[in-house]
Amino acid sequence: MKIVAVLLGSLSRKSINASLAKALEKLAAPALAFDYLDIASLPHYNNDLWDNPPEAVTRFKAQVSAADAVLIVMPEINRSFPAVIKNALDWGSRPWGQSSWLGKPVSLVGMTPGTSGTAPGQGHLRTILPLFDLIVMGQPEVYLNFKPGLIDDHFEITDDTTRGFLEGYLAKFAAFIDHHGARDLAIAAAAE
């Protein structure tokens, strides 16, 4: 079983993206275990805080480091990605030389009531993820259009076509993690 650190880009109690993450978690089990990171408790990035890093930051970095991969589940905000995601990426990348992101496979998914299905926001985020040395899965892209009832109260996907697509996506993500995780183990072994 691979551990996937989940960054949820919505802080709303009624987040449709939180429902999507929980539905994906059910579909992915037992191959992938989701570890939801508390990015809401991270303070705004401030380099001065490394003198005495907040417990929320050290816990976050430890969870990222322990994960085999990262899944970003996000809405779109003003044609971009949520600031809470950028803040988490910044904390994970520092202090200099101690990034928790190095070589981790990452995938992005999102859902919105709008017809663009988070495509512009994900596209914007994809341009910076390689700078963190995250290995971005290119396909399939998951930009879902939210419709009431698509995810029920038990986090089941009610539409057969959507469920089938998401099962295929998760199988590809698991294979992507296996492929890049093995590469990272070989690099680590060679460095010893």
C-alpha atoms as a PDB file:
ATOM      1  CA  MET A   1       0.000   0.000   0.000  1.00  0.00           C
ATOM      2  CA  LYS A   2       1.299   3.430  -0.969  1.00  0.00           C
ATOM      3  CA  ILE A   3       0.746   6.474   1.233  1.00  0.00           C
ATOM      4  CA  VAL A   4      -0.575   9.540  -0.574  1.00  0.00           C
ATOM      5  CA  ALA A   5      -0.314  12.928   1.117  1.00  0.00           C
ATOM      6  CA  VAL A   6      -3.511  14.787   0.234  1.00  0.00           C
ATOM      7  CA  LEU A   7      -3.501  18.575  -0.009  1.00  0.00           C
ATOM      8  CA  LEU A   8      -7.064  19.820  -0.022  1.00  0.00           C
ATOM      9  CA  GLY A   9      -7.239  23.289  -1.537  1.00  0.00           C
ATOM     10  CA  SER A  10     -10.595  24.235  -0.039  1.00  0.00           C
ATOM     11  CA  LEU A  11     -11.082  25.125   3.610  1.00  0.00           C
ATOM     12  CA  SER A  12     -14.889  25.195   3.336  1.00  0.00           C
ATOM     13  CA  ARG A  13     -16.831  22.832   5.607  1.00  0.00           C
ATOM     14  CA  LYS A  14     -19.110  22.016   2.653  1.00  0.00           C
ATOM     15  CA  SER A  15     -16.326  21.651   0.101  1.00  0.00           C
ATOM     16  CA  ILE A  16     -17.256  19.648  -2.969  1.00  0.00           C
ATOM     17  CA  ASN A  17     -13.553  18.949  -3.406  1.00  0.00           C
ATOM     18  CA  ALA A  18     -13.386  17.398   0.073  1.00  0.00           C
ATOM     19  CA  SER A  19     -16.226  15.112  -1.028  1.00  0.00           C
ATOM     20  CA  LEU A  20     -14.311  14.296  -4.201  1.00  0.00           C
ATOM     21  CA  ALA A  21     -11.193  13.445  -2.167  1.00  0.00           C
ATOM     22  CA  LYS A  22     -13.179  11.104   0.093  1.00  0.00           C
ATOM     23  CA  ALA A  23     -14.800   9.445  -2.930  1.00  0.00           C
ATOM     24  CA  LEU A  24     -11.370   8.938  -4.508  1.00  0.00           C
ATOM     25  CA  GLU A  25     -10.082   7.504  -1.240  1.00  0.00           C
ATOM     26  CA  LYS A  26     -12.838   4.878  -1.266  1.00  0.00           C
ATOM     27  CA  LEU A  27     -12.148   3.994  -4.892  1.00  0.00           C
ATOM     28  CA  ALA A  28      -8.370   3.793  -4.326  1.00  0.00           C
ATOM     29  CA  ALA A  29      -8.414   1.449  -1.329  1.00  0.00           C
ATOM     30  CA  PRO A  30      -6.576  -0.764  -0.603  1.00  0.00           C
ATOM     31  CA  ALA A  31      -3.841   0.136  -3.135  1.00  0.00           C
ATOM     32  CA  LEU A  32      -3.513   3.733  -1.917  1.00  0.00           C
ATOM     33  CA  ALA A  33      -3.920   5.069   1.618  1.00  0.00           C
ATOM     34  CA  PHE A  34      -4.795   8.769   1.838  1.00  0.00           C
ATOM     35  CA  ASP A  35      -3.181  10.934   4.534  1.00  0.00           C
ATOM     36  CA  TYR A  36      -5.013  14.282   4.700  1.00  0.00           C
ATOM     37  CA  LEU A  37      -2.558  17.023   5.637  1.00  0.00           C
ATOM     38  CA  ASP A  38      -3.769  19.918   7.771  1.00  0.00           C
ATOM     39  CA  ILE A  39      -2.676  22.817   5.592  1.00  0.00           C
ATOM     40  CA  ALA A  40      -5.205  25.173   7.192  1.00  0.00           C
ATOM     41  CA  SER A  41      -3.103  25.331  10.372  1.00  0.00           C
ATOM     42  CA  LEU A  42       0.060  26.398   8.545  1.00  0.00           C
ATOM     43  CA  PRO A  43       0.879  30.063   9.162  1.00  0.00           C
ATOM     44  CA  HIS A  44       1.572  32.338   6.204  1.00  0.00           C
ATOM     45  CA  TYR A  45       5.063  31.522   5.009  1.00  0.00           C
ATOM     46  CA  ASN A  46       7.674  33.561   6.888  1.00  0.00           C
ATOM     47  CA  ASN A  47      11.338  32.609   6.672  1.00  0.00           C
ATOM     48  CA  ASP A  48      11.935  34.078  10.159  1.00  0.00           C
ATOM     49  CA  LEU A  49       9.844  31.268  11.691  1.00  0.00           C
ATOM     50  CA  TRP A  50      12.561  28.694  10.968  1.00  0.00           C
ATOM     51  CA  ASP A  51      14.364  29.889  14.103  1.00  0.00           C
ATOM     52  CA  ASN A  52      11.602  28.140  16.071  1.00  0.00           C
ATOM     53  CA  PRO A  53       9.317  26.401  13.542  1.00  0.00           C
ATOM     54  CA  PRO A  54       5.659  26.006  14.519  1.00  0.00           C
ATOM     55  CA  GLU A  55       4.586  22.455  15.348  1.00  0.00           C
ATOM     56  CA  ALA A  56       2.098  22.569  12.454  1.00  0.00           C
ATOM     57  CA  VAL A  57       5.002  23.098  10.056  1.00  0.00           C
ATOM     58  CA  THR A  58       7.228  20.327  11.432  1.00  0.00           C
ATOM     59  CA  ARG A  59       4.284  17.889  11.485  1.00  0.00           C
ATOM     60  CA  PHE A  60       3.369  18.830   7.908  1.00  0.00           C
ATOM     61  CA  LYS A  61       6.927  18.351   6.625  1.00  0.00           C
ATOM     62  CA  ALA A  62       7.196  14.976   8.378  1.00  0.00           C
ATOM     63  CA  GLN A  63       3.935  13.778   6.794  1.00  0.00           C
ATOM     64  CA  VAL A  64       5.044  14.875   3.332  1.00  0.00           C
ATOM     65  CA  SER A  65       8.428  13.197   3.776  1.00  0.00           C
ATOM     66  CA  ALA A  66       6.769   9.938   4.876  1.00  0.00           C
ATOM     67  CA  ALA A  67       4.406   9.849   1.886  1.00  0.00           C
ATOM     68  CA  ASP A  68       5.066   7.990  -1.353  1.00  0.00           C
ATOM     69  CA  ALA A  69       3.198  10.580  -3.429  1.00  0.00           C
ATOM     70  CA  VAL A  70       1.104  13.735  -3.295  1.00  0.00           C
ATOM     71  CA  LEU A  71      -2.455  14.344  -4.472  1.00  0.00           C
ATOM     72  CA  ILE A  72      -3.688  17.919  -4.777  1.00  0.00           C
ATOM     73  CA  VAL A  73      -7.480  18.185  -4.743  1.00  0.00           C
ATOM     74  CA  MET A  74      -8.499  21.738  -5.437  1.00  0.00           C
ATOM     75  CA  PRO A  75     -11.092  24.186  -6.584  1.00  0.00           C
ATOM     76  CA  GLU A  76     -10.255  26.999  -8.938  1.00  0.00           C
ATOM     77  CA  ILE A  77     -10.153  30.540  -7.604  1.00  0.00           C
ATOM     78  CA  ASN A  78     -10.062  33.405 -10.098  1.00  0.00           C
ATOM     79  CA  ARG A  79      -8.524  31.220 -12.839  1.00  0.00           C
ATOM     80  CA  SER A  80      -5.734  30.092 -10.533  1.00  0.00           C
ATOM     81  CA  PHE A  81      -5.050  27.701  -7.690  1.00  0.00           C
ATOM     82  CA  PRO A  82      -5.857  28.431  -4.039  1.00  0.00           C
ATOM     83  CA  ALA A  83      -3.343  30.427  -1.977  1.00  0.00           C
ATOM     84  CA  VAL A  84      -3.455  27.747   0.743  1.00  0.00           C
ATOM     85  CA  ILE A  85      -1.837  25.333  -1.754  1.00  0.00           C
ATOM     86  CA  LYS A  86       0.990  27.761  -2.578  1.00  0.00           C
ATOM     87  CA  ASN A  87       1.581  28.346   1.131  1.00  0.00           C
ATOM     88  CA  ALA A  88       1.844  24.589   1.746  1.00  0.00           C
ATOM     89  CA  LEU A  89       4.211  24.163  -1.194  1.00  0.00           C
ATOM     90  CA  ASP A  90       6.438  26.935   0.155  1.00  0.00           C
ATOM     91  CA  TRP A  91       6.593  25.471   3.689  1.00  0.00           C
ATOM     92  CA  GLY A  92       7.377  22.020   2.331  1.00  0.00           C
ATOM     93  CA  SER A  93      10.212  23.373   0.179  1.00  0.00           C
ATOM     94  CA  ARG A  94      12.151  25.032   2.990  1.00  0.00           C
ATOM     95  CA  PRO A  95      14.512  25.537   4.724  1.00  0.00           C
ATOM     96  CA  TRP A  96      16.907  25.637   1.799  1.00  0.00           C
ATOM     97  CA  GLY A  97      18.285  22.163   1.080  1.00  0.00           C
ATOM     98  CA  GLN A  98      15.617  20.407   3.162  1.00  0.00           C
ATOM     99  CA  SER A  99      12.654  20.214   0.799  1.00  0.00           C
ATOM    100  CA  SER A 100      10.112  17.530   1.615  1.00  0.00           C
ATOM    101  CA  TRP A 101       8.888  17.461  -2.010  1.00  0.00           C
ATOM    102  CA  LEU A 102      12.013  16.173  -3.755  1.00  0.00           C
ATOM    103  CA  GLY A 103      11.221  13.522  -6.340  1.00  0.00           C
ATOM    104  CA  LYS A 104       7.665  12.891  -5.161  1.00  0.00           C
ATOM    105  CA  PRO A 105       5.083  11.901  -7.773  1.00  0.00           C
ATOM    106  CA  VAL A 106       2.134  14.309  -7.757  1.00  0.00           C
ATOM    107  CA  SER A 107      -1.255  14.437  -9.420  1.00  0.00           C
ATOM    108  CA  LEU A 108      -3.952  17.099  -9.487  1.00  0.00           C
ATOM    109  CA  VAL A 109      -7.722  16.734  -9.497  1.00  0.00           C
ATOM    110  CA  GLY A 110     -10.532  19.176  -8.998  1.00  0.00           C
ATOM    111  CA  MET A 111     -14.228  19.785  -9.255  1.00  0.00           C
ATOM    112  CA  THR A 112     -16.227  22.957  -9.704  1.00  0.00           C
ATOM    113  CA  PRO A 113     -19.811  23.913 -10.552  1.00  0.00           C
ATOM    114  CA  GLY A 114     -18.423  25.870 -13.504  1.00  0.00           C
ATOM    115  CA  THR A 115     -17.934  24.286 -16.907  1.00  0.00           C
ATOM    116  CA  SER A 116     -14.135  24.662 -16.888  1.00  0.00           C
ATOM    117  CA  GLY A 117     -13.878  22.075 -14.096  1.00  0.00           C
ATOM    118  CA  THR A 118     -10.721  23.664 -12.551  1.00  0.00           C
ATOM    119  CA  ALA A 119      -8.690  23.332 -15.783  1.00  0.00           C
ATOM    120  CA  PRO A 120      -7.281  26.896 -15.739  1.00  0.00           C
ATOM    121  CA  GLY A 121      -6.300  26.670 -12.059  1.00  0.00           C
ATOM    122  CA  GLN A 122      -4.642  23.301 -12.494  1.00  0.00           C
ATOM    123  CA  GLY A 123      -2.862  24.530 -15.615  1.00  0.00           C
ATOM    124  CA  HIS A 124      -1.417  27.432 -13.637  1.00  0.00           C
ATOM    125  CA  LEU A 125      -0.281  25.145 -10.815  1.00  0.00           C
ATOM    126  CA  ARG A 126       1.305  22.676 -13.253  1.00  0.00           C
ATOM    127  CA  THR A 127       3.686  25.426 -14.389  1.00  0.00           C
ATOM    128  CA  ILE A 128       5.331  25.696 -10.959  1.00  0.00           C
ATOM    129  CA  LEU A 129       5.240  22.137  -9.559  1.00  0.00           C
ATOM    130  CA  PRO A 130       8.431  21.030 -11.367  1.00  0.00           C
ATOM    131  CA  LEU A 131      10.293  23.869  -9.617  1.00  0.00           C
ATOM    132  CA  PHE A 132       9.656  21.996  -6.355  1.00  0.00           C
ATOM    133  CA  ASP A 133      11.130  18.843  -7.965  1.00  0.00           C
ATOM    134  CA  LEU A 134       7.712  17.203  -7.903  1.00  0.00           C
ATOM    135  CA  ILE A 135       7.164  14.705 -10.715  1.00  0.00           C
ATOM    136  CA  VAL A 136       3.849  15.703 -12.282  1.00  0.00           C
ATOM    137  CA  MET A 137       1.577  13.040 -13.773  1.00  0.00           C
ATOM    138  CA  GLY A 138       0.403  14.387 -17.125  1.00  0.00           C
ATOM    139  CA  GLN A 139      -2.511  12.126 -18.036  1.00  0.00           C
ATOM    140  CA  PRO A 140      -5.315  11.600 -17.428  1.00  0.00           C
ATOM    141  CA  GLU A 141      -6.297  15.079 -16.357  1.00  0.00           C
ATOM    142  CA  VAL A 142      -9.225  15.273 -13.938  1.00  0.00           C
ATOM    143  CA  TYR A 143     -11.350  18.417 -14.262  1.00  0.00           C
ATOM    144  CA  LEU A 144     -14.815  17.465 -13.058  1.00  0.00           C
ATOM    145  CA  ASN A 145     -17.971  19.500 -13.437  1.00  0.00           C
ATOM    146  CA  PHE A 146     -19.952  19.213 -10.197  1.00  0.00           C
ATOM    147  CA  LYS A 147     -23.584  18.217 -10.466  1.00  0.00           C
ATOM    148  CA  PRO A 148     -25.807  17.692  -7.395  1.00  0.00           C
ATOM    149  CA  GLY A 149     -25.990  13.996  -6.536  1.00  0.00           C
ATOM    150  CA  LEU A 150     -22.768  13.035  -8.361  1.00  0.00           C
ATOM    151  CA  ILE A 151     -21.285  12.063  -4.978  1.00  0.00           C
ATOM    152  CA  ASP A 152     -23.736  10.697  -2.436  1.00  0.00           C
ATOM    153  CA  ASP A 153     -23.690  11.051   1.365  1.00  0.00           C
ATOM    154  CA  HIS A 154     -21.496   7.933   1.632  1.00  0.00           C
ATOM    155  CA  PHE A 155     -18.929   9.358  -0.820  1.00  0.00           C
ATOM    156  CA  GLU A 156     -19.909   6.997  -3.594  1.00  0.00           C
ATOM    157  CA  ILE A 157     -19.771   8.199  -7.205  1.00  0.00           C
ATOM    158  CA  THR A 158     -23.315   7.716  -8.507  1.00  0.00           C
ATOM    159  CA  ASP A 159     -22.596   8.075 -12.232  1.00  0.00           C
ATOM    160  CA  ASP A 160     -21.163   4.887 -13.771  1.00  0.00           C
ATOM    161  CA  THR A 161     -19.194   6.704 -16.470  1.00  0.00           C
ATOM    162  CA  THR A 162     -17.584   9.096 -13.988  1.00  0.00           C
ATOM    163  CA  ARG A 163     -16.820   6.266 -11.553  1.00  0.00           C
ATOM    164  CA  GLY A 164     -15.199   4.220 -14.330  1.00  0.00           C
ATOM    165  CA  PHE A 165     -13.110   7.209 -15.411  1.00  0.00           C
ATOM    166  CA  LEU A 166     -11.950   7.844 -11.842  1.00  0.00           C
ATOM    167  CA  GLU A 167     -11.109   4.163 -11.276  1.00  0.00           C
ATOM    168  CA  GLY A 168      -8.966   4.267 -14.408  1.00  0.00           C
ATOM    169  CA  TYR A 169      -7.333   7.493 -13.240  1.00  0.00           C
ATOM    170  CA  LEU A 170      -6.494   5.993  -9.828  1.00  0.00           C
ATOM    171  CA  ALA A 171      -5.034   2.854 -11.419  1.00  0.00           C
ATOM    172  CA  LYS A 172      -2.803   5.058 -13.567  1.00  0.00           C
ATOM    173  CA  PHE A 173      -1.798   7.156 -10.549  1.00  0.00           C
ATOM    174  CA  ALA A 174      -0.885   4.010  -8.567  1.00  0.00           C
ATOM    175  CA  ALA A 175       1.246   2.784 -11.484  1.00  0.00           C
ATOM    176  CA  PHE A 176       2.858   6.233 -11.775  1.00  0.00           C
ATOM    177  CA  ILE A 177       3.741   6.115  -8.066  1.00  0.00           C
ATOM    178  CA  ASP A 178       5.194   2.616  -8.421  1.00  0.00           C
ATOM    179  CA  HIS A 179       7.302   3.661 -11.403  1.00  0.00           C
ATOM    180  CA  HIS A 180       8.704   6.845  -9.891  1.00  0.00           C
ATOM    181  CA  GLY A 181       9.021   5.441  -6.372  1.00  0.00           C
ATOM    182  CA  ALA A 182      11.295   2.692  -7.668  1.00  0.00           C
ATOM    183  CA  ARG A 183      13.416   5.327  -9.442  1.00  0.00           C
ATOM    184  CA  ASP A 184      13.756   7.295  -6.221  1.00  0.00           C
ATOM    185  CA  LEU A 185      14.848   4.196  -4.268  1.00  0.00           C
ATOM    186  CA  ALA A 186      17.531   3.480  -6.856  1.00  0.00           C
ATOM    187  CA  ILE A 187      18.802   7.071  -6.668  1.00  0.00           C
ATOM    188  CA  ALA A 188      18.874   6.948  -2.850  1.00  0.00           C
ATOM    189  CA  ALA A 189      20.730   3.626  -2.878  1.00  0.00           C
ATOM    190  CA  ALA A 190      23.291   4.962  -5.349  1.00  0.00           C
ATOM    191  CA  ALA A 191      23.901   8.011  -3.142  1.00  0.00           C
ATOM    192  CA  GLU A 192      24.793   5.909  -0.080  1.00  0.00           C
END
